[in-house]
PDB file of all heavy atoms in Angstrom:
ATOM      1  N   GLU A   1     -11.328  21.307 -19.132  1.00  0.00           N
ATOM      2  CA  GLU A   1     -12.152  22.057 -18.204  1.00  0.00           C
ATOM      3  C   GLU A   1     -13.404  21.346 -17.866  1.00  0.00           C
ATOM      4  O   GLU A   1     -13.953  21.553 -16.746  1.00  0.00           O
ATOM      5  CB  GLU A   1     -12.426  23.472 -18.754  1.00  0.00           C
ATOM      6  CG  GLU A   1     -13.088  23.486 -20.110  1.00  0.00           C
ATOM      7  CD  GLU A   1     -12.148  23.590 -21.280  1.00  0.00           C
ATOM      8  OE1 GLU A   1     -10.939  23.167 -21.130  1.00  0.00           O
ATOM      9  OE2 GLU A   1     -12.516  24.175 -22.321  1.00  0.00           O
ATOM     10  N   GLU A   2     -14.002  20.568 -18.789  1.00  0.00           N
ATOM     11  CA  GLU A   2     -15.099  19.751 -18.496  1.00  0.00           C
ATOM     12  C   GLU A   2     -14.875  18.632 -17.495  1.00  0.00           C
ATOM     13  O   GLU A   2     -15.678  18.415 -16.569  1.00  0.00           O
ATOM     14  CB  GLU A   2     -15.759  19.196 -19.782  1.00  0.00           C
ATOM     15  CG  GLU A   2     -16.282  20.255 -20.772  1.00  0.00           C
ATOM     16  CD  GLU A   2     -16.749  19.630 -22.047  1.00  0.00           C
ATOM     17  OE1 GLU A   2     -17.818  18.979 -22.052  1.00  0.00           O
ATOM     18  OE2 GLU A   2     -16.053  19.713 -23.087  1.00  0.00           O
ATOM     19  N   PHE A   3     -13.695  18.030 -17.597  1.00  0.00           N
ATOM     20  CA  PHE A   3     -13.279  17.003 -16.701  1.00  0.00           C
ATOM     21  C   PHE A   3     -13.176  17.692 -15.266  1.00  0.00           C
ATOM     22  O   PHE A   3     -13.672  17.107 -14.317  1.00  0.00           O
ATOM     23  CB  PHE A   3     -11.925  16.445 -17.027  1.00  0.00           C
ATOM     24  CG  PHE A   3     -12.020  15.175 -17.826  1.00  0.00           C
ATOM     25  CD1 PHE A   3     -11.954  15.200 -19.246  1.00  0.00           C
ATOM     26  CD2 PHE A   3     -12.008  13.948 -17.228  1.00  0.00           C
ATOM     27  CE1 PHE A   3     -11.983  14.037 -19.999  1.00  0.00           C
ATOM     28  CE2 PHE A   3     -12.050  12.771 -17.939  1.00  0.00           C
ATOM     29  CZ  PHE A   3     -12.049  12.793 -19.318  1.00  0.00           C
ATOM     30  N   ALA A   4     -12.554  18.801 -15.248  1.00  0.00           N
ATOM     31  CA  ALA A   4     -12.361  19.523 -13.926  1.00  0.00           C
ATOM     32  C   ALA A   4     -13.693  19.826 -13.301  1.00  0.00           C
ATOM     33  O   ALA A   4     -13.817  19.638 -12.063  1.00  0.00           O
ATOM     34  CB  ALA A   4     -11.541  20.805 -14.156  1.00  0.00           C
ATOM     35  N   ALA A   5     -14.613  20.318 -14.033  1.00  0.00           N
ATOM     36  CA  ALA A   5     -15.924  20.695 -13.539  1.00  0.00           C
ATOM     37  C   ALA A   5     -16.665  19.471 -12.945  1.00  0.00           C
ATOM     38  O   ALA A   5     -17.182  19.516 -11.874  1.00  0.00           O
ATOM     39  CB  ALA A   5     -16.767  21.365 -14.581  1.00  0.00           C
ATOM     40  N   VAL A   6     -16.632  18.343 -13.688  1.00  0.00           N
ATOM     41  CA  VAL A   6     -17.273  17.147 -13.182  1.00  0.00           C
ATOM     42  C   VAL A   6     -16.586  16.618 -11.890  1.00  0.00           C
ATOM     43  O   VAL A   6     -17.303  16.358 -10.948  1.00  0.00           O
ATOM     44  CB  VAL A   6     -17.180  16.002 -14.268  1.00  0.00           C
ATOM     45  CG1 VAL A   6     -17.618  14.652 -13.690  1.00  0.00           C
ATOM     46  CG2 VAL A   6     -18.170  16.376 -15.477  1.00  0.00           C
ATOM     47  N   LEU A   7     -15.257  16.560 -11.886  1.00  0.00           N
ATOM     48  CA  LEU A   7     -14.572  16.108 -10.710  1.00  0.00           C
ATOM     49  C   LEU A   7     -14.728  17.022  -9.505  1.00  0.00           C
ATOM     50  O   LEU A   7     -14.741  16.519  -8.342  1.00  0.00           O
ATOM     51  CB  LEU A   7     -13.131  15.899 -11.058  1.00  0.00           C
ATOM     52  CG  LEU A   7     -12.865  14.712 -11.990  1.00  0.00           C
ATOM     53  CD1 LEU A   7     -11.381  14.687 -12.485  1.00  0.00           C
ATOM     54  CD2 LEU A   7     -13.218  13.397 -11.328  1.00  0.00           C
ATOM     55  N   ARG A   8     -14.908  18.315  -9.758  1.00  0.00           N
ATOM     56  CA  ARG A   8     -15.119  19.256  -8.550  1.00  0.00           C
ATOM     57  C   ARG A   8     -16.485  18.970  -8.014  1.00  0.00           C
ATOM     58  O   ARG A   8     -16.655  19.013  -6.776  1.00  0.00           O
ATOM     59  CB  ARG A   8     -14.958  20.679  -9.045  1.00  0.00           C
ATOM     60  CG  ARG A   8     -13.500  21.159  -9.107  1.00  0.00           C
ATOM     61  CD  ARG A   8     -13.407  22.647  -9.211  1.00  0.00           C
ATOM     62  NE  ARG A   8     -13.888  23.119 -10.530  1.00  0.00           N
ATOM     63  CZ  ARG A   8     -13.140  23.385 -11.530  1.00  0.00           C
ATOM     64  NH1 ARG A   8     -11.817  23.172 -11.458  1.00  0.00           N
ATOM     65  NH2 ARG A   8     -13.681  23.795 -12.707  1.00  0.00           N
ATOM     66  N   ARG A   9     -17.503  18.696  -8.890  1.00  0.00           N
ATOM     67  CA  ARG A   9     -18.802  18.427  -8.398  1.00  0.00           C
ATOM     68  C   ARG A   9     -18.858  17.076  -7.571  1.00  0.00           C
ATOM     69  O   ARG A   9     -19.484  17.005  -6.580  1.00  0.00           O
ATOM     70  CB  ARG A   9     -19.822  18.313  -9.536  1.00  0.00           C
ATOM     71  CG  ARG A   9     -20.242  19.599 -10.144  1.00  0.00           C
ATOM     72  CD  ARG A   9     -21.487  19.476 -11.003  1.00  0.00           C
ATOM     73  NE  ARG A   9     -21.287  18.612 -12.147  1.00  0.00           N
ATOM     74  CZ  ARG A   9     -20.846  19.025 -13.323  1.00  0.00           C
ATOM     75  NH1 ARG A   9     -20.562  20.284 -13.571  1.00  0.00           N
ATOM     76  NH2 ARG A   9     -20.738  18.151 -14.394  1.00  0.00           N
ATOM     77  N   VAL A  10     -18.112  16.117  -8.084  1.00  0.00           N
ATOM     78  CA  VAL A  10     -18.045  14.813  -7.317  1.00  0.00           C
ATOM     79  C   VAL A  10     -17.331  15.068  -6.024  1.00  0.00           C
ATOM     80  O   VAL A  10     -17.820  14.472  -4.944  1.00  0.00           O
ATOM     81  CB  VAL A  10     -17.305  13.756  -8.188  1.00  0.00           C
ATOM     82  CG1 VAL A  10     -17.080  12.453  -7.360  1.00  0.00           C
ATOM     83  CG2 VAL A  10     -18.118  13.432  -9.444  1.00  0.00           C
ATOM     84  N   ALA A  11     -16.283  15.821  -5.976  1.00  0.00           N
ATOM     85  CA  ALA A  11     -15.547  16.069  -4.694  1.00  0.00           C
ATOM     86  C   ALA A  11     -16.523  16.753  -3.703  1.00  0.00           C
ATOM     87  O   ALA A  11     -16.430  16.374  -2.475  1.00  0.00           O
ATOM     88  CB  ALA A  11     -14.374  16.900  -5.004  1.00  0.00           C
ATOM     89  N   ASP A  12     -17.290  17.656  -4.181  1.00  0.00           N
ATOM     90  CA  ASP A  12     -18.267  18.333  -3.282  1.00  0.00           C
ATOM     91  C   ASP A  12     -19.274  17.298  -2.668  1.00  0.00           C
ATOM     92  O   ASP A  12     -19.616  17.368  -1.462  1.00  0.00           O
ATOM     93  CB  ASP A  12     -19.010  19.380  -4.051  1.00  0.00           C
ATOM     94  CG  ASP A  12     -18.170  20.611  -4.344  1.00  0.00           C
ATOM     95  OD1 ASP A  12     -17.030  20.720  -3.680  1.00  0.00           O
ATOM     96  OD2 ASP A  12     -18.529  21.414  -5.226  1.00  0.00           O
ATOM     97  N   ARG A  13     -19.684  16.333  -3.452  1.00  0.00           N
ATOM     98  CA  ARG A  13     -20.620  15.359  -2.992  1.00  0.00           C
ATOM     99  C   ARG A  13     -20.016  14.366  -2.074  1.00  0.00           C
ATOM    100  O   ARG A  13     -20.654  13.922  -1.097  1.00  0.00           O
ATOM    101  CB  ARG A  13     -21.212  14.581  -4.180  1.00  0.00           C
ATOM    102  CG  ARG A  13     -22.199  15.483  -5.042  1.00  0.00           C
ATOM    103  CD  ARG A  13     -22.589  14.836  -6.295  1.00  0.00           C
ATOM    104  NE  ARG A  13     -23.320  15.677  -7.154  1.00  0.00           N
ATOM    105  CZ  ARG A  13     -23.647  15.500  -8.431  1.00  0.00           C
ATOM    106  NH1 ARG A  13     -23.183  14.285  -8.980  1.00  0.00           N
ATOM    107  NH2 ARG A  13     -24.296  16.361  -9.233  1.00  0.00           N
ATOM    108  N   VAL A  14     -18.745  13.985  -2.392  1.00  0.00           N
ATOM    109  CA  VAL A  14     -18.038  13.027  -1.447  1.00  0.00           C
ATOM    110  C   VAL A  14     -17.792  13.681  -0.142  1.00  0.00           C
ATOM    111  O   VAL A  14     -17.906  13.073   0.874  1.00  0.00           O
ATOM    112  CB  VAL A  14     -16.772  12.538  -2.142  1.00  0.00           C
ATOM    113  CG1 VAL A  14     -15.918  11.725  -1.175  1.00  0.00           C
ATOM    114  CG2 VAL A  14     -17.031  11.763  -3.358  1.00  0.00           C
ATOM    115  N   GLY A  15     -17.437  14.943  -0.126  1.00  0.00           N
ATOM    116  CA  GLY A  15     -17.372  15.774   1.141  1.00  0.00           C
ATOM    117  C   GLY A  15     -16.007  15.706   1.794  1.00  0.00           C
ATOM    118  O   GLY A  15     -15.779  16.413   2.787  1.00  0.00           O
ATOM    119  N   ARG A  16     -15.030  14.911   1.293  1.00  0.00           N
ATOM    120  CA  ARG A  16     -13.698  14.918   1.867  1.00  0.00           C
ATOM    121  C   ARG A  16     -12.734  14.465   0.778  1.00  0.00           C
ATOM    122  O   ARG A  16     -13.105  13.872  -0.203  1.00  0.00           O
ATOM    123  CB  ARG A  16     -13.628  14.067   3.126  1.00  0.00           C
ATOM    124  CG  ARG A  16     -13.983  12.627   2.979  1.00  0.00           C
ATOM    125  CD  ARG A  16     -14.304  11.975   4.328  1.00  0.00           C
ATOM    126  NE  ARG A  16     -14.519  10.570   4.269  1.00  0.00           N
ATOM    127  CZ  ARG A  16     -15.611   9.961   3.935  1.00  0.00           C
ATOM    128  NH1 ARG A  16     -16.623  10.670   3.534  1.00  0.00           N
ATOM    129  NH2 ARG A  16     -15.656   8.613   3.967  1.00  0.00           N
ATOM    130  N   ARG A  17     -11.489  14.773   1.037  1.00  0.00           N
ATOM    131  CA  ARG A  17     -10.416  14.532   0.074  1.00  0.00           C
ATOM    132  C   ARG A  17     -10.339  12.974  -0.226  1.00  0.00           C
ATOM    133  O   ARG A  17     -10.400  12.183   0.690  1.00  0.00           O
ATOM    134  CB  ARG A  17      -9.106  14.976   0.509  1.00  0.00           C
ATOM    135  CG  ARG A  17      -8.167  15.354  -0.594  1.00  0.00           C
ATOM    136  CD  ARG A  17      -6.986  16.078  -0.053  1.00  0.00           C
ATOM    137  NE  ARG A  17      -5.987  16.435  -1.073  1.00  0.00           N
ATOM    138  CZ  ARG A  17      -4.691  16.541  -0.837  1.00  0.00           C
ATOM    139  NH1 ARG A  17      -4.208  16.238   0.350  1.00  0.00           N
ATOM    140  NH2 ARG A  17      -3.857  16.915  -1.803  1.00  0.00           N
ATOM    141  N   ALA A  18     -10.308  12.628  -1.507  1.00  0.00           N
ATOM    142  CA  ALA A  18     -10.371  11.134  -1.919  1.00  0.00           C
ATOM    143  C   ALA A  18      -9.147  10.850  -2.771  1.00  0.00           C
ATOM    144  O   ALA A  18      -8.575  11.691  -3.407  1.00  0.00           O
ATOM    145  CB  ALA A  18     -11.630  10.870  -2.653  1.00  0.00           C
ATOM    146  N   VAL A  19      -8.821   9.544  -2.807  1.00  0.00           N
ATOM    147  CA  VAL A  19      -7.862   9.053  -3.765  1.00  0.00           C
ATOM    148  C   VAL A  19      -8.554   8.895  -5.133  1.00  0.00           C
ATOM    149  O   VAL A  19      -9.608   8.319  -5.237  1.00  0.00           O
ATOM    150  CB  VAL A  19      -7.324   7.666  -3.328  1.00  0.00           C
ATOM    151  CG1 VAL A  19      -6.461   7.039  -4.445  1.00  0.00           C
ATOM    152  CG2 VAL A  19      -6.468   7.848  -2.084  1.00  0.00           C
ATOM    153  N   LEU A  20      -8.067   9.538  -6.169  1.00  0.00           N
ATOM    154  CA  LEU A  20      -8.608   9.489  -7.528  1.00  0.00           C
ATOM    155  C   LEU A  20      -7.929   8.448  -8.325  1.00  0.00           C
ATOM    156  O   LEU A  20      -6.627   8.486  -8.447  1.00  0.00           O
ATOM    157  CB  LEU A  20      -8.507  10.849  -8.160  1.00  0.00           C
ATOM    158  CG  LEU A  20      -9.094  11.042  -9.536  1.00  0.00           C
ATOM    159  CD1 LEU A  20     -10.610  10.617  -9.547  1.00  0.00           C
ATOM    160  CD2 LEU A  20      -8.938  12.429 -10.088  1.00  0.00           C
ATOM    161  N   VAL A  21      -8.667   7.507  -8.961  1.00  0.00           N
ATOM    162  CA  VAL A  21      -8.071   6.395  -9.753  1.00  0.00           C
ATOM    163  C   VAL A  21      -8.655   6.420 -11.185  1.00  0.00           C
ATOM    164  O   VAL A  21      -9.753   5.968 -11.400  1.00  0.00           O
ATOM    165  CB  VAL A  21      -8.390   5.038  -9.062  1.00  0.00           C
ATOM    166  CG1 VAL A  21      -7.618   3.949  -9.837  1.00  0.00           C
ATOM    167  CG2 VAL A  21      -8.063   5.067  -7.611  1.00  0.00           C
ATOM    168  N   PRO A  22      -7.925   6.998 -12.121  1.00  0.00           N
ATOM    169  CA  PRO A  22      -8.364   6.911 -13.510  1.00  0.00           C
ATOM    170  C   PRO A  22      -8.276   5.469 -14.035  1.00  0.00           C
ATOM    171  O   PRO A  22      -7.286   4.808 -13.727  1.00  0.00           O
ATOM    172  CB  PRO A  22      -7.415   7.837 -14.325  1.00  0.00           C
ATOM    173  CG  PRO A  22      -6.719   8.627 -13.235  1.00  0.00           C
ATOM    174  CD  PRO A  22      -6.712   7.778 -12.045  1.00  0.00           C
ATOM    175  N   LEU A  23      -9.311   5.029 -14.739  1.00  0.00           N
ATOM    176  CA  LEU A  23      -9.293   3.635 -15.257  1.00  0.00           C
ATOM    177  C   LEU A  23      -9.273   3.524 -16.803  1.00  0.00           C
ATOM    178  O   LEU A  23      -9.296   2.372 -17.327  1.00  0.00           O
ATOM    179  CB  LEU A  23     -10.627   2.995 -14.785  1.00  0.00           C
ATOM    180  CG  LEU A  23     -10.684   2.798 -13.248  1.00  0.00           C
ATOM    181  CD1 LEU A  23     -12.018   2.227 -12.809  1.00  0.00           C
ATOM    182  CD2 LEU A  23      -9.591   1.847 -12.726  1.00  0.00           C
ATOM    183  N   ASP A  24      -9.102   4.639 -17.470  1.00  0.00           N
ATOM    184  CA  ASP A  24      -8.933   4.501 -18.918  1.00  0.00           C
ATOM    185  C   ASP A  24      -7.926   5.603 -19.349  1.00  0.00           C
ATOM    186  O   ASP A  24      -7.646   6.555 -18.574  1.00  0.00           O
ATOM    187  CB  ASP A  24     -10.217   4.610 -19.757  1.00  0.00           C
ATOM    188  CG  ASP A  24     -10.957   5.897 -19.545  1.00  0.00           C
ATOM    189  OD1 ASP A  24     -10.534   6.761 -18.801  1.00  0.00           O
ATOM    190  OD2 ASP A  24     -12.014   6.057 -20.191  1.00  0.00           O
ATOM    191  N   ASP A  25      -7.429   5.539 -20.597  1.00  0.00           N
ATOM    192  CA  ASP A  25      -6.315   6.446 -20.979  1.00  0.00           C
ATOM    193  C   ASP A  25      -6.880   7.889 -21.071  1.00  0.00           C
ATOM    194  O   ASP A  25      -6.138   8.772 -20.657  1.00  0.00           O
ATOM    195  CB  ASP A  25      -5.773   6.031 -22.369  1.00  0.00           C
ATOM    196  CG  ASP A  25      -4.888   4.772 -22.238  1.00  0.00           C
ATOM    197  OD1 ASP A  25      -4.540   4.359 -21.123  1.00  0.00           O
ATOM    198  OD2 ASP A  25      -4.660   4.206 -23.296  1.00  0.00           O
ATOM    199  N   ALA A  26      -8.030   8.157 -21.571  1.00  0.00           N
ATOM    200  CA  ALA A  26      -8.592   9.480 -21.597  1.00  0.00           C
ATOM    201  C   ALA A  26      -8.605  10.146 -20.233  1.00  0.00           C
ATOM    202  O   ALA A  26      -8.269  11.317 -20.078  1.00  0.00           O
ATOM    203  CB  ALA A  26      -9.978   9.465 -22.279  1.00  0.00           C
ATOM    204  N   SER A  27      -9.115   9.359 -19.277  1.00  0.00           N
ATOM    205  CA  SER A  27      -9.208   9.907 -17.872  1.00  0.00           C
ATOM    206  C   SER A  27      -7.795  10.086 -17.304  1.00  0.00           C
ATOM    207  O   SER A  27      -7.541  11.105 -16.669  1.00  0.00           O
ATOM    208  CB  SER A  27      -9.964   8.952 -17.030  1.00  0.00           C
ATOM    209  OG  SER A  27     -11.222   8.704 -17.492  1.00  0.00           O
ATOM    210  N   ALA A  28      -6.847   9.175 -17.516  1.00  0.00           N
ATOM    211  CA  ALA A  28      -5.507   9.291 -17.003  1.00  0.00           C
ATOM    212  C   ALA A  28      -4.825  10.527 -17.580  1.00  0.00           C
ATOM    213  O   ALA A  28      -4.150  11.352 -16.885  1.00  0.00           O
ATOM    214  CB  ALA A  28      -4.688   8.083 -17.354  1.00  0.00           C
ATOM    215  N   VAL A  29      -5.000  10.819 -18.928  1.00  0.00           N
ATOM    216  CA  VAL A  29      -4.363  11.935 -19.518  1.00  0.00           C
ATOM    217  C   VAL A  29      -5.004  13.211 -18.987  1.00  0.00           C
ATOM    218  O   VAL A  29      -4.232  14.163 -18.615  1.00  0.00           O
ATOM    219  CB  VAL A  29      -4.501  11.895 -21.042  1.00  0.00           C
ATOM    220  CG1 VAL A  29      -4.125  13.147 -21.741  1.00  0.00           C
ATOM    221  CG2 VAL A  29      -3.653  10.733 -21.614  1.00  0.00           C
ATOM    222  N   ALA A  30      -6.314  13.306 -18.893  1.00  0.00           N
ATOM    223  CA  ALA A  30      -6.949  14.508 -18.396  1.00  0.00           C
ATOM    224  C   ALA A  30      -6.583  14.776 -16.925  1.00  0.00           C
ATOM    225  O   ALA A  30      -6.315  15.945 -16.571  1.00  0.00           O
ATOM    226  CB  ALA A  30      -8.457  14.376 -18.551  1.00  0.00           C
ATOM    227  N   VAL A  31      -6.567  13.741 -16.144  1.00  0.00           N
ATOM    228  CA  VAL A  31      -6.231  13.989 -14.681  1.00  0.00           C
ATOM    229  C   VAL A  31      -4.789  14.483 -14.563  1.00  0.00           C
ATOM    230  O   VAL A  31      -4.496  15.342 -13.726  1.00  0.00           O
ATOM    231  CB  VAL A  31      -6.517  12.687 -13.859  1.00  0.00           C
ATOM    232  CG1 VAL A  31      -5.854  12.756 -12.531  1.00  0.00           C
ATOM    233  CG2 VAL A  31      -8.003  12.433 -13.780  1.00  0.00           C
ATOM    234  N   ALA A  32      -3.888  13.948 -15.312  1.00  0.00           N
ATOM    235  CA  ALA A  32      -2.491  14.363 -15.238  1.00  0.00           C
ATOM    236  C   ALA A  32      -2.379  15.771 -15.681  1.00  0.00           C
ATOM    237  O   ALA A  32      -1.607  16.599 -14.976  1.00  0.00           O
ATOM    238  CB  ALA A  32      -1.592  13.476 -16.128  1.00  0.00           C
ATOM    239  N   ARG A  33      -3.090  16.227 -16.684  1.00  0.00           N
ATOM    240  CA  ARG A  33      -3.040  17.618 -17.057  1.00  0.00           C
ATOM    241  C   ARG A  33      -3.552  18.570 -15.972  1.00  0.00           C
ATOM    242  O   ARG A  33      -3.126  19.676 -15.841  1.00  0.00           O
ATOM    243  CB  ARG A  33      -3.918  17.835 -18.338  1.00  0.00           C
ATOM    244  CG  ARG A  33      -3.323  17.318 -19.680  1.00  0.00           C
ATOM    245  CD  ARG A  33      -4.348  17.535 -20.730  1.00  0.00           C
ATOM    246  NE  ARG A  33      -3.922  17.116 -22.024  1.00  0.00           N
ATOM    247  CZ  ARG A  33      -4.660  17.157 -23.123  1.00  0.00           C
ATOM    248  NH1 ARG A  33      -5.952  17.594 -23.030  1.00  0.00           N
ATOM    249  NH2 ARG A  33      -4.239  16.736 -24.255  1.00  0.00           N
ATOM    250  N   LEU A  34      -4.613  18.060 -15.252  1.00  0.00           N
ATOM    251  CA  LEU A  34      -5.300  18.887 -14.344  1.00  0.00           C
ATOM    252  C   LEU A  34      -4.842  18.800 -12.916  1.00  0.00           C
ATOM    253  O   LEU A  34      -5.489  19.277 -11.974  1.00  0.00           O
ATOM    254  CB  LEU A  34      -6.845  18.551 -14.416  1.00  0.00           C
ATOM    255  CG  LEU A  34      -7.529  18.847 -15.678  1.00  0.00           C
ATOM    256  CD1 LEU A  34      -8.878  18.103 -15.723  1.00  0.00           C
ATOM    257  CD2 LEU A  34      -7.722  20.347 -15.893  1.00  0.00           C
ATOM    258  N   ARG A  35      -3.751  18.084 -12.680  1.00  0.00           N
ATOM    259  CA  ARG A  35      -3.315  17.765 -11.340  1.00  0.00           C
ATOM    260  C   ARG A  35      -3.282  18.920 -10.410  1.00  0.00           C
ATOM    261  O   ARG A  35      -3.777  18.878  -9.291  1.00  0.00           O
ATOM    262  CB  ARG A  35      -1.891  17.142 -11.372  1.00  0.00           C
ATOM    263  CG  ARG A  35      -1.589  16.596 -10.032  1.00  0.00           C
ATOM    264  CD  ARG A  35      -0.134  15.993 -10.021  1.00  0.00           C
ATOM    265  NE  ARG A  35       0.148  15.388  -8.732  1.00  0.00           N
ATOM    266  CZ  ARG A  35       0.543  16.006  -7.666  1.00  0.00           C
ATOM    267  NH1 ARG A  35       0.576  17.331  -7.698  1.00  0.00           N
ATOM    268  NH2 ARG A  35       0.732  15.412  -6.533  1.00  0.00           N
ATOM    269  N   GLY A  36      -2.806  20.074 -10.893  1.00  0.00           N
ATOM    270  CA  GLY A  36      -2.724  21.276 -10.087  1.00  0.00           C
ATOM    271  C   GLY A  36      -4.107  21.782  -9.602  1.00  0.00           C
ATOM    272  O   GLY A  36      -4.215  22.400  -8.534  1.00  0.00           O
ATOM    273  N   GLU A  37      -5.111  21.649 -10.451  1.00  0.00           N
ATOM    274  CA  GLU A  37      -6.476  22.137 -10.162  1.00  0.00           C
ATOM    275  C   GLU A  37      -7.251  21.118  -9.290  1.00  0.00           C
ATOM    276  O   GLU A  37      -8.257  21.492  -8.752  1.00  0.00           O
ATOM    277  CB  GLU A  37      -7.275  22.302 -11.482  1.00  0.00           C
ATOM    278  CG  GLU A  37      -6.613  23.416 -12.395  1.00  0.00           C
ATOM    279  CD  GLU A  37      -7.451  23.526 -13.675  1.00  0.00           C
ATOM    280  OE1 GLU A  37      -8.621  23.522 -13.574  1.00  0.00           O
ATOM    281  OE2 GLU A  37      -6.840  23.564 -14.785  1.00  0.00           O
ATOM    282  N   LEU A  38      -6.787  19.873  -9.204  1.00  0.00           N
ATOM    283  CA  LEU A  38      -7.572  18.874  -8.479  1.00  0.00           C
ATOM    284  C   LEU A  38      -7.083  18.556  -7.062  1.00  0.00           C
ATOM    285  O   LEU A  38      -7.738  17.825  -6.341  1.00  0.00           O
ATOM    286  CB  LEU A  38      -7.601  17.573  -9.320  1.00  0.00           C
ATOM    287  CG  LEU A  38      -8.248  17.659 -10.704  1.00  0.00           C
ATOM    288  CD1 LEU A  38      -8.064  16.336 -11.480  1.00  0.00           C
ATOM    289  CD2 LEU A  38      -9.731  18.014 -10.589  1.00  0.00           C
ATOM    290  N   THR A  39      -5.918  19.009  -6.686  1.00  0.00           N
ATOM    291  CA  THR A  39      -5.251  18.578  -5.476  1.00  0.00           C
ATOM    292  C   THR A  39      -6.062  18.991  -4.237  1.00  0.00           C
ATOM    293  O   THR A  39      -5.900  18.464  -3.163  1.00  0.00           O
ATOM    294  CB  THR A  39      -3.866  19.083  -5.347  1.00  0.00           C
ATOM    295  OG1 THR A  39      -3.818  20.546  -5.610  1.00  0.00           O
ATOM    296  CG2 THR A  39      -2.953  18.410  -6.324  1.00  0.00           C
ATOM    297  N   ASP A  40      -6.942  20.026  -4.335  1.00  0.00           N
ATOM    298  CA  ASP A  40      -7.742  20.344  -3.195  1.00  0.00           C
ATOM    299  C   ASP A  40      -8.736  19.272  -2.812  1.00  0.00           C
ATOM    300  O   ASP A  40      -9.105  19.022  -1.649  1.00  0.00           O
ATOM    301  CB  ASP A  40      -8.572  21.668  -3.449  1.00  0.00           C
ATOM    302  CG  ASP A  40      -7.657  22.905  -3.407  1.00  0.00           C
ATOM    303  OD1 ASP A  40      -6.530  22.794  -2.900  1.00  0.00           O
ATOM    304  OD2 ASP A  40      -8.090  24.013  -3.869  1.00  0.00           O
ATOM    305  N   GLY A  41      -9.272  18.616  -3.810  1.00  0.00           N
ATOM    306  CA  GLY A  41     -10.285  17.536  -3.555  1.00  0.00           C
ATOM    307  C   GLY A  41      -9.773  16.092  -3.647  1.00  0.00           C
ATOM    308  O   GLY A  41     -10.475  15.194  -3.246  1.00  0.00           O
ATOM    309  N   TYR A  42      -8.540  15.955  -4.215  1.00  0.00           N
ATOM    310  CA  TYR A  42      -8.109  14.571  -4.455  1.00  0.00           C
ATOM    311  C   TYR A  42      -6.642  14.397  -4.137  1.00  0.00           C
ATOM    312  O   TYR A  42      -5.839  15.281  -4.241  1.00  0.00           O
ATOM    313  CB  TYR A  42      -8.336  14.260  -5.963  1.00  0.00           C
ATOM    314  CG  TYR A  42      -9.765  14.206  -6.397  1.00  0.00           C
ATOM    315  CD1 TYR A  42     -10.303  15.395  -7.041  1.00  0.00           C
ATOM    316  CD2 TYR A  42     -10.615  13.195  -6.099  1.00  0.00           C
ATOM    317  CE1 TYR A  42     -11.620  15.425  -7.409  1.00  0.00           C
ATOM    318  CE2 TYR A  42     -11.876  13.180  -6.540  1.00  0.00           C
ATOM    319  CZ  TYR A  42     -12.436  14.258  -7.176  1.00  0.00           C
ATOM    320  OH  TYR A  42     -13.739  14.319  -7.483  1.00  0.00           O
TER     321      TYR A  42
END
């Protein structure tokens, strides 16, 4: 949920849908878990 909150804030600042690229295992695992919650911004 902390990952999701951070990524939602970043999406708001970017202002449009972006390609999200995790660069370490912790990020890749978290993003895969949260895919359904992140598709509006990424």
